[in-house]
Amino acid sequence: MMDPHKVLLHPQMTEKAVKLIEAENKLIFVVAREATRREVKGAVETLFEVKVEDVKIEITPDGRKKAYVKLAPEFMADEIASKLGMV
């Protein structure tokens, strides 16, 4: 298992990311290329003390790997986003 700090490189801060936080309780992170869904889920749960419901991964055209992390309903993505200084 990778070190959680090496899995999550940084949060994605775009208008789309903010909309997903508000509408779907999701956070977007740019993650390490070799990180798996399970490692991303573990890293988010460990670092932010939340429960993750789902992780979707996408490779961008420029070669970065993005993870869309949906939190369990009892946790609020906007609270984590404000801790990260995103909103």
PDB file of N, CA and C in Angstrom:
ATOM      1  N   MET A   1       0.846  -1.203   0.000  1.00  0.00           N
ATOM      2  CA  MET A   1       0.000   0.000   0.000  1.00  0.00           C
ATOM      3  C   MET A   1       0.884   1.256   0.000  1.00  0.00           C
ATOM      4  N   MET A   2       0.538   2.187  -0.848  1.00  0.00           N
ATOM      5  CA  MET A   2       1.320   3.427  -0.940  1.00  0.00           C
ATOM      6  C   MET A   2       1.026   4.353   0.236  1.00  0.00           C
ATOM      7  N   ASP A   3       1.974   5.211   0.545  1.00  0.00           N
ATOM      8  CA  ASP A   3       1.788   6.255   1.555  1.00  0.00           C
ATOM      9  C   ASP A   3       0.664   7.184   1.074  1.00  0.00           C
ATOM     10  N   PRO A   4      -0.359   7.442   1.941  1.00  0.00           N
ATOM     11  CA  PRO A   4      -1.488   8.283   1.517  1.00  0.00           C
ATOM     12  C   PRO A   4      -1.068   9.646   0.955  1.00  0.00           C
ATOM     13  N   HIS A   5       0.022  10.209   1.487  1.00  0.00           N
ATOM     14  CA  HIS A   5       0.470  11.517   0.993  1.00  0.00           C
ATOM     15  C   HIS A   5       1.065  11.423  -0.410  1.00  0.00           C
ATOM     16  N   LYS A   6       1.510  10.221  -0.804  1.00  0.00           N
ATOM     17  CA  LYS A   6       2.049  10.035  -2.152  1.00  0.00           C
ATOM     18  C   LYS A   6       0.944   9.682  -3.147  1.00  0.00           C
ATOM     19  N   VAL A   7      -0.180   9.166  -2.645  1.00  0.00           N
ATOM     20  CA  VAL A   7      -1.304   8.800  -3.510  1.00  0.00           C
ATOM     21  C   VAL A   7      -2.009  10.062  -4.001  1.00  0.00           C
ATOM     22  N   LEU A   8      -2.400  10.929  -3.061  1.00  0.00           N
ATOM     23  CA  LEU A   8      -3.105  12.168  -3.408  1.00  0.00           C
ATOM     24  C   LEU A   8      -2.082  13.270  -3.637  1.00  0.00           C
ATOM     25  N   LEU A   9      -1.958  13.719  -4.866  1.00  0.00           N
ATOM     26  CA  LEU A   9      -0.980  14.767  -5.145  1.00  0.00           C
ATOM     27  C   LEU A   9      -1.529  16.136  -4.755  1.00  0.00           C
ATOM     28  N   HIS A  10      -2.728  16.460  -5.237  1.00  0.00           N
ATOM     29  CA  HIS A  10      -3.378  17.712  -4.830  1.00  0.00           C
ATOM     30  C   HIS A  10      -4.840  17.684  -5.258  1.00  0.00           C
ATOM     31  N   PRO A  11      -5.672  18.489  -4.582  1.00  0.00           N
ATOM     32  CA  PRO A  11      -7.079  18.567  -4.982  1.00  0.00           C
ATOM     33  C   PRO A  11      -7.215  19.360  -6.283  1.00  0.00           C
ATOM     34  N   GLN A  12      -8.238  19.046  -7.042  1.00  0.00           N
ATOM     35  CA  GLN A  12      -8.520  19.773  -8.282  1.00  0.00           C
ATOM     36  C   GLN A  12      -9.426  20.949  -7.932  1.00  0.00           C
ATOM     37  N   MET A  13      -9.018  22.152  -8.323  1.00  0.00           N
ATOM     38  CA  MET A  13      -9.830  23.324  -7.998  1.00  0.00           C
ATOM     39  C   MET A  13     -10.291  24.004  -9.281  1.00  0.00           C
ATOM     40  N   THR A  14     -11.427  23.541  -9.782  1.00  0.00           N
ATOM     41  CA  THR A  14     -12.003  24.129 -10.989  1.00  0.00           C
ATOM     42  C   THR A  14     -13.479  24.384 -10.716  1.00  0.00           C
ATOM     43  N   GLU A  15     -14.130  25.082 -11.632  1.00  0.00           N
ATOM     44  CA  GLU A  15     -15.573  25.299 -11.478  1.00  0.00           C
ATOM     45  C   GLU A  15     -16.308  23.971 -11.445  1.00  0.00           C
ATOM     46  N   LYS A  16     -15.869  23.050 -12.303  1.00  0.00           N
ATOM     47  CA  LYS A  16     -16.500  21.722 -12.339  1.00  0.00           C
ATOM     48  C   LYS A  16     -16.355  21.040 -10.979  1.00  0.00           C
ATOM     49  N   ALA A  17     -15.168  21.144 -10.375  1.00  0.00           N
ATOM     50  CA  ALA A  17     -14.931  20.512  -9.080  1.00  0.00           C
ATOM     51  C   ALA A  17     -15.857  21.100  -8.019  1.00  0.00           C
ATOM     52  N   VAL A  18     -16.027  22.406  -8.031  1.00  0.00           N
ATOM     53  CA  VAL A  18     -16.898  23.067  -7.060  1.00  0.00           C
ATOM     54  C   VAL A  18     -18.348  22.626  -7.258  1.00  0.00           C
ATOM     55  N   LYS A  19     -18.777  22.513  -8.518  1.00  0.00           N
ATOM     56  CA  LYS A  19     -20.138  22.040  -8.800  1.00  0.00           C
ATOM     57  C   LYS A  19     -20.350  20.623  -8.280  1.00  0.00           C
ATOM     58  N   LEU A  20     -19.346  19.757  -8.476  1.00  0.00           N
ATOM     59  CA  LEU A  20     -19.460  18.373  -8.006  1.00  0.00           C
ATOM     60  C   LEU A  20     -19.517  18.305  -6.481  1.00  0.00           C
ATOM     61  N   ILE A  21     -18.766  19.191  -5.824  1.00  0.00           N
ATOM     62  CA  ILE A  21     -18.801  19.238  -4.356  1.00  0.00           C
ATOM     63  C   ILE A  21     -20.220  19.547  -3.905  1.00  0.00           C
ATOM     64  N   GLU A  22     -20.813  20.574  -4.523  1.00  0.00           N
ATOM     65  CA  GLU A  22     -22.145  21.017  -4.104  1.00  0.00           C
ATOM     66  C   GLU A  22     -23.239  20.048  -4.525  1.00  0.00           C
ATOM     67  N   ALA A  23     -23.179  19.552  -5.757  1.00  0.00           N
ATOM     68  CA  ALA A  23     -24.285  18.766  -6.297  1.00  0.00           C
ATOM     69  C   ALA A  23     -24.216  17.278  -5.934  1.00  0.00           C
ATOM     70  N   GLU A  24     -22.998  16.725  -5.903  1.00  0.00           N
ATOM     71  CA  GLU A  24     -22.897  15.265  -5.783  1.00  0.00           C
ATOM     72  C   GLU A  24     -22.053  14.794  -4.593  1.00  0.00           C
ATOM     73  N   ASN A  25     -21.604  15.726  -3.747  1.00  0.00           N
ATOM     74  CA  ASN A  25     -20.782  15.360  -2.590  1.00  0.00           C
ATOM     75  C   ASN A  25     -19.497  14.646  -3.027  1.00  0.00           C
ATOM     76  N   LYS A  26     -18.895  15.151  -4.111  1.00  0.00           N
ATOM     77  CA  LYS A  26     -17.679  14.545  -4.648  1.00  0.00           C
ATOM     78  C   LYS A  26     -16.513  15.517  -4.581  1.00  0.00           C
ATOM     79  N   LEU A  27     -15.327  14.952  -4.387  1.00  0.00           N
ATOM     80  CA  LEU A  27     -14.086  15.714  -4.450  1.00  0.00           C
ATOM     81  C   LEU A  27     -13.271  15.162  -5.613  1.00  0.00           C
ATOM     82  N   ILE A  28     -12.485  16.027  -6.235  1.00  0.00           N
ATOM     83  CA  ILE A  28     -11.603  15.576  -7.319  1.00  0.00           C
ATOM     84  C   ILE A  28     -10.159  15.789  -6.878  1.00  0.00           C
ATOM     85  N   PHE A  29      -9.360  14.737  -7.010  1.00  0.00           N
ATOM     86  CA  PHE A  29      -7.940  14.824  -6.686  1.00  0.00           C
ATOM     87  C   PHE A  29      -7.122  14.399  -7.897  1.00  0.00           C
ATOM     88  N   VAL A  30      -5.982  15.062  -8.088  1.00  0.00           N
ATOM     89  CA  VAL A  30      -4.985  14.553  -9.015  1.00  0.00           C
ATOM     90  C   VAL A  30      -4.177  13.563  -8.186  1.00  0.00           C
ATOM     91  N   VAL A  31      -4.052  12.338  -8.694  1.00  0.00           N
ATOM     92  CA  VAL A  31      -3.414  11.272  -7.917  1.00  0.00           C
ATOM     93  C   VAL A  31      -2.200  10.712  -8.652  1.00  0.00           C
ATOM     94  N   ALA A  32      -1.398   9.957  -7.923  1.00  0.00           N
ATOM     95  CA  ALA A  32      -0.219   9.317  -8.506  1.00  0.00           C
ATOM     96  C   ALA A  32      -0.643   8.378  -9.631  1.00  0.00           C
ATOM     97  N   ARG A  33       0.140   8.327 -10.707  1.00  0.00           N
ATOM     98  CA  ARG A  33      -0.206   7.498 -11.869  1.00  0.00           C
ATOM     99  C   ARG A  33      -0.387   6.024 -11.483  1.00  0.00           C
ATOM    100  N   GLU A  34       0.419   5.546 -10.540  1.00  0.00           N
ATOM    101  CA  GLU A  34       0.371   4.116 -10.202  1.00  0.00           C
ATOM    102  C   GLU A  34      -0.650   3.788  -9.105  1.00  0.00           C
ATOM    103  N   ALA A  35      -1.344   4.810  -8.596  1.00  0.00           N
ATOM    104  CA  ALA A  35      -2.316   4.585  -7.512  1.00  0.00           C
ATOM    105  C   ALA A  35      -3.552   3.853  -8.033  1.00  0.00           C
ATOM    106  N   THR A  36      -4.031   2.891  -7.251  1.00  0.00           N
ATOM    107  CA  THR A  36      -5.245   2.162  -7.614  1.00  0.00           C
ATOM    108  C   THR A  36      -6.448   2.825  -6.955  1.00  0.00           C
ATOM    109  N   ARG A  37      -7.655   2.418  -7.379  1.00  0.00           N
ATOM    110  CA  ARG A  37      -8.874   2.928  -6.750  1.00  0.00           C
ATOM    111  C   ARG A  37      -8.867   2.672  -5.257  1.00  0.00           C
ATOM    112  N   ARG A  38      -8.480   1.448  -4.900  1.00  0.00           N
ATOM    113  CA  ARG A  38      -8.462   1.067  -3.479  1.00  0.00           C
ATOM    114  C   ARG A  38      -7.499   1.957  -2.688  1.00  0.00           C
ATOM    115  N   GLU A  39      -6.335   2.262  -3.272  1.00  0.00           N
ATOM    116  CA  GLU A  39      -5.358   3.119  -2.583  1.00  0.00           C
ATOM    117  C   GLU A  39      -5.881   4.548  -2.444  1.00  0.00           C
ATOM    118  N   VAL A  40      -6.566   5.041  -3.478  1.00  0.00           N
ATOM    119  CA  VAL A  40      -7.143   6.394  -3.409  1.00  0.00           C
ATOM    120  C   VAL A  40      -8.191   6.433  -2.296  1.00  0.00           C
ATOM    121  N   LYS A  41      -9.062   5.430  -2.271  1.00  0.00           N
ATOM    122  CA  LYS A  41     -10.106   5.360  -1.233  1.00  0.00           C
ATOM    123  C   LYS A  41      -9.471   5.339   0.158  1.00  0.00           C
ATOM    124  N   GLY A  42      -8.470   4.494   0.338  1.00  0.00           N
ATOM    125  CA  GLY A  42      -7.788   4.389   1.631  1.00  0.00           C
ATOM    126  C   GLY A  42      -7.121   5.696   2.034  1.00  0.00           C
ATOM    127  N   ALA A  43      -6.490   6.355   1.066  1.00  0.00           N
ATOM    128  CA  ALA A  43      -5.791   7.606   1.349  1.00  0.00           C
ATOM    129  C   ALA A  43      -6.765   8.687   1.790  1.00  0.00           C
ATOM    130  N   VAL A  44      -7.897   8.822   1.082  1.00  0.00           N
ATOM    131  CA  VAL A  44      -8.885   9.847   1.432  1.00  0.00           C
ATOM    132  C   VAL A  44      -9.481   9.543   2.808  1.00  0.00           C
ATOM    133  N   GLU A  45      -9.804   8.273   3.059  1.00  0.00           N
ATOM    134  CA  GLU A  45     -10.384   7.905   4.358  1.00  0.00           C
ATOM    135  C   GLU A  45      -9.398   8.153   5.496  1.00  0.00           C
ATOM    136  N   THR A  46      -8.125   7.842   5.260  1.00  0.00           N
ATOM    137  CA  THR A  46      -7.107   8.034   6.291  1.00  0.00           C
ATOM    138  C   THR A  46      -6.831   9.512   6.560  1.00  0.00           C
ATOM    139  N   LEU A  47      -6.601  10.276   5.481  1.00  0.00           N
ATOM    140  CA  LEU A  47      -6.185  11.673   5.639  1.00  0.00           C
ATOM    141  C   LEU A  47      -7.318  12.584   6.112  1.00  0.00           C
ATOM    142  N   PHE A  48      -8.553  12.282   5.715  1.00  0.00           N
ATOM    143  CA  PHE A  48      -9.658  13.197   6.036  1.00  0.00           C
ATOM    144  C   PHE A  48     -10.668  12.625   7.021  1.00  0.00           C
ATOM    145  N   GLU A  49     -10.423  11.378   7.485  1.00  0.00           N
ATOM    146  CA  GLU A  49     -11.303  10.732   8.468  1.00  0.00           C
ATOM    147  C   GLU A  49     -12.758  10.756   8.018  1.00  0.00           C
ATOM    148  N   VAL A  50     -12.981  10.274   6.792  1.00  0.00           N
ATOM    149  CA  VAL A  50     -14.327  10.182   6.224  1.00  0.00           C
ATOM    150  C   VAL A  50     -14.523   8.771   5.680  1.00  0.00           C
ATOM    151  N   LYS A  51     -15.748   8.493   5.279  1.00  0.00           N
ATOM    152  CA  LYS A  51     -16.042   7.229   4.593  1.00  0.00           C
ATOM    153  C   LYS A  51     -16.275   7.536   3.117  1.00  0.00           C
ATOM    154  N   VAL A  52     -15.623   6.759   2.256  1.00  0.00           N
ATOM    155  CA  VAL A  52     -15.746   6.958   0.818  1.00  0.00           C
ATOM    156  C   VAL A  52     -16.721   5.925   0.260  1.00  0.00           C
ATOM    157  N   GLU A  53     -17.676   6.418  -0.531  1.00  0.00           N
ATOM    158  CA  GLU A  53     -18.683   5.536  -1.123  1.00  0.00           C
ATOM    159  C   GLU A  53     -18.205   4.967  -2.455  1.00  0.00           C
ATOM    160  N   ASP A  54     -17.532   5.806  -3.261  1.00  0.00           N
ATOM    161  CA  ASP A  54     -17.157   5.375  -4.599  1.00  0.00           C
ATOM    162  C   ASP A  54     -15.964   6.186  -5.097  1.00  0.00           C
ATOM    163  N   VAL A  55     -15.134   5.549  -5.928  1.00  0.00           N
ATOM    164  CA  VAL A  55     -13.998   6.240  -6.559  1.00  0.00           C
ATOM    165  C   VAL A  55     -14.022   5.924  -8.044  1.00  0.00           C
ATOM    166  N   LYS A  56     -14.006   6.959  -8.856  1.00  0.00           N
ATOM    167  CA  LYS A  56     -13.883   6.787 -10.307  1.00  0.00           C
ATOM    168  C   LYS A  56     -12.558   7.421 -10.714  1.00  0.00           C
ATOM    169  N   ILE A  57     -11.862   6.761 -11.624  1.00  0.00           N
ATOM    170  CA  ILE A  57     -10.538   7.236 -12.044  1.00  0.00           C
ATOM    171  C   ILE A  57     -10.576   7.592 -13.521  1.00  0.00           C
ATOM    172  N   GLU A  58      -9.860   8.652 -13.863  1.00  0.00           N
ATOM    173  CA  GLU A  58      -9.790   9.074 -15.267  1.00  0.00           C
ATOM    174  C   GLU A  58      -8.360   9.525 -15.556  1.00  0.00           C
ATOM    175  N   ILE A  59      -7.877   9.166 -16.735  1.00  0.00           N
ATOM    176  CA  ILE A  59      -6.573   9.673 -17.189  1.00  0.00           C
ATOM    177  C   ILE A  59      -6.866  10.828 -18.146  1.00  0.00           C
ATOM    178  N   THR A  60      -6.306  11.996 -17.857  1.00  0.00           N
ATOM    179  CA  THR A  60      -6.567  13.165 -18.696  1.00  0.00           C
ATOM    180  C   THR A  60      -5.712  13.084 -19.966  1.00  0.00           C
ATOM    181  N   PRO A  61      -6.075  13.841 -21.014  1.00  0.00           N
ATOM    182  CA  PRO A  61      -5.286  13.822 -22.249  1.00  0.00           C
ATOM    183  C   PRO A  61      -3.809  14.206 -22.028  1.00  0.00           C
ATOM    184  N   ASP A  62      -3.552  15.025 -21.008  1.00  0.00           N
ATOM    185  CA  ASP A  62      -2.149  15.407 -20.752  1.00  0.00           C
ATOM    186  C   ASP A  62      -1.436  14.396 -19.845  1.00  0.00           C
ATOM    187  N   GLY A  63      -2.084  13.255 -19.578  1.00  0.00           N
ATOM    188  CA  GLY A  63      -1.393  12.178 -18.874  1.00  0.00           C
ATOM    189  C   GLY A  63      -1.531  12.179 -17.363  1.00  0.00           C
ATOM    190  N   ARG A  64      -2.299  13.120 -16.806  1.00  0.00           N
ATOM    191  CA  ARG A  64      -2.501  13.107 -15.354  1.00  0.00           C
ATOM    192  C   ARG A  64      -3.631  12.151 -15.005  1.00  0.00           C
ATOM    193  N   LYS A  65      -3.603  11.665 -13.799  1.00  0.00           N
ATOM    194  CA  LYS A  65      -4.644  10.747 -13.343  1.00  0.00           C
ATOM    195  C   LYS A  65      -5.498  11.477 -12.322  1.00  0.00           C
ATOM    196  N   LYS A  66      -6.825  11.502 -12.584  1.00  0.00           N
ATOM    197  CA  LYS A  66      -7.743  12.188 -11.662  1.00  0.00           C
ATOM    198  C   LYS A  66      -8.663  11.172 -11.019  1.00  0.00           C
ATOM    199  N   ALA A  67      -8.940  11.385  -9.748  1.00  0.00           N
ATOM    200  CA  ALA A  67      -9.871  10.522  -9.024  1.00  0.00           C
ATOM    201  C   ALA A  67     -11.065  11.356  -8.590  1.00  0.00           C
ATOM    202  N   TYR A  68     -12.247  10.849  -8.924  1.00  0.00           N
ATOM    203  CA  TYR A  68     -13.501  11.465  -8.477  1.00  0.00           C
ATOM    204  C   TYR A  68     -13.956  10.658  -7.275  1.00  0.00           C
ATOM    205  N   VAL A  69     -13.936  11.276  -6.102  1.00  0.00           N
ATOM    206  CA  VAL A  69     -14.192  10.560  -4.855  1.00  0.00           C
ATOM    207  C   VAL A  69     -15.544  10.988  -4.291  1.00  0.00           C
ATOM    208  N   LYS A  70     -16.483  10.050  -4.260  1.00  0.00           N
ATOM    209  CA  LYS A  70     -17.813  10.332  -3.706  1.00  0.00           C
ATOM    210  C   LYS A  70     -17.826   9.912  -2.244  1.00  0.00           C
ATOM    211  N   LEU A  71     -18.167  10.869  -1.385  1.00  0.00           N
ATOM    212  CA  LEU A  71     -18.199  10.582   0.047  1.00  0.00           C
ATOM    213  C   LEU A  71     -19.530   9.968   0.450  1.00  0.00           C
ATOM    214  N   ALA A  72     -19.497   9.200   1.535  1.00  0.00           N
ATOM    215  CA  ALA A  72     -20.727   8.646   2.099  1.00  0.00           C
ATOM    216  C   ALA A  72     -21.617   9.818   2.533  1.00  0.00           C
ATOM    217  N   PRO A  73     -22.955   9.621   2.522  1.00  0.00           N
ATOM    218  CA  PRO A  73     -23.889  10.727   2.779  1.00  0.00           C
ATOM    219  C   PRO A  73     -23.681  11.445   4.112  1.00  0.00           C
ATOM    220  N   GLU A  74     -23.152  10.740   5.112  1.00  0.00           N
ATOM    221  CA  GLU A  74     -22.988  11.405   6.412  1.00  0.00           C
ATOM    222  C   GLU A  74     -21.785  12.348   6.476  1.00  0.00           C
ATOM    223  N   PHE A  75     -20.983  12.395   5.413  1.00  0.00           N
ATOM    224  CA  PHE A  75     -19.833  13.302   5.365  1.00  0.00           C
ATOM    225  C   PHE A  75     -20.057  14.330   4.271  1.00  0.00           C
ATOM    226  N   MET A  76     -19.608  15.549   4.520  1.00  0.00           N
ATOM    227  CA  MET A  76     -19.851  16.634   3.579  1.00  0.00           C
ATOM    228  C   MET A  76     -18.562  17.011   2.838  1.00  0.00           C
ATOM    229  N   ALA A  77     -18.614  16.911   1.513  1.00  0.00           N
ATOM    230  CA  ALA A  77     -17.453  17.253   0.688  1.00  0.00           C
ATOM    231  C   ALA A  77     -17.061  18.719   0.870  1.00  0.00           C
ATOM    232  N   ASP A  78     -18.069  19.595   1.090  1.00  0.00           N
ATOM    233  CA  ASP A  78     -17.725  21.015   1.222  1.00  0.00           C
ATOM    234  C   ASP A  78     -16.930  21.304   2.493  1.00  0.00           C
ATOM    235  N   GLU A  79     -17.120  20.489   3.543  1.00  0.00           N
ATOM    236  CA  GLU A  79     -16.317  20.681   4.766  1.00  0.00           C
ATOM    237  C   GLU A  79     -14.850  20.359   4.496  1.00  0.00           C
ATOM    238  N   ILE A  80     -14.604  19.278   3.773  1.00  0.00           N
ATOM    239  CA  ILE A  80     -13.224  18.924   3.441  1.00  0.00           C
ATOM    240  C   ILE A  80     -12.641  19.953   2.490  1.00  0.00           C
ATOM    241  N   ALA A  81     -13.440  20.387   1.527  1.00  0.00           N
ATOM    242  CA  ALA A  81     -12.978  21.391   0.575  1.00  0.00           C
ATOM    243  C   ALA A  81     -12.568  22.677   1.288  1.00  0.00           C
ATOM    244  N   SER A  82     -13.339  23.070   2.301  1.00  0.00           N
ATOM    245  CA  SER A  82     -12.964  24.308   3.004  1.00  0.00           C
ATOM    246  C   SER A  82     -11.709  24.094   3.861  1.00  0.00           C
ATOM    247  N   LYS A  83     -11.530  22.882   4.409  1.00  0.00           N
ATOM    248  CA  LYS A  83     -10.274  22.574   5.126  1.00  0.00           C
ATOM    249  C   LYS A  83      -9.080  22.672   4.188  1.00  0.00           C
ATOM    250  N   LEU A  84      -9.296  22.266   2.940  1.00  0.00           N
ATOM    251  CA  LEU A  84      -8.222  22.311   1.947  1.00  0.00           C
ATOM    252  C   LEU A  84      -8.062  23.683   1.320  1.00  0.00           C
ATOM    253  N   GLY A  85      -8.944  24.633   1.715  1.00  0.00           N
ATOM    254  CA  GLY A  85      -8.875  25.976   1.178  1.00  0.00           C
ATOM    255  C   GLY A  85      -9.412  26.080  -0.236  1.00  0.00           C
ATOM    256  N   MET A  86     -10.309  25.157  -0.612  1.00  0.00           N
ATOM    257  CA  MET A  86     -10.833  25.157  -1.977  1.00  0.00           C
ATOM    258  C   MET A  86     -12.039  26.082  -2.147  1.00  0.00           C
ATOM    259  N   VAL A  87     -12.839  26.247  -1.093  1.00  0.00           N
ATOM    260  CA  VAL A  87     -14.051  27.077  -1.213  1.00  0.00           C
ATOM    261  C   VAL A  87     -14.049  28.186  -0.190  1.00  0.00           C
TER     262      VAL A  87
END
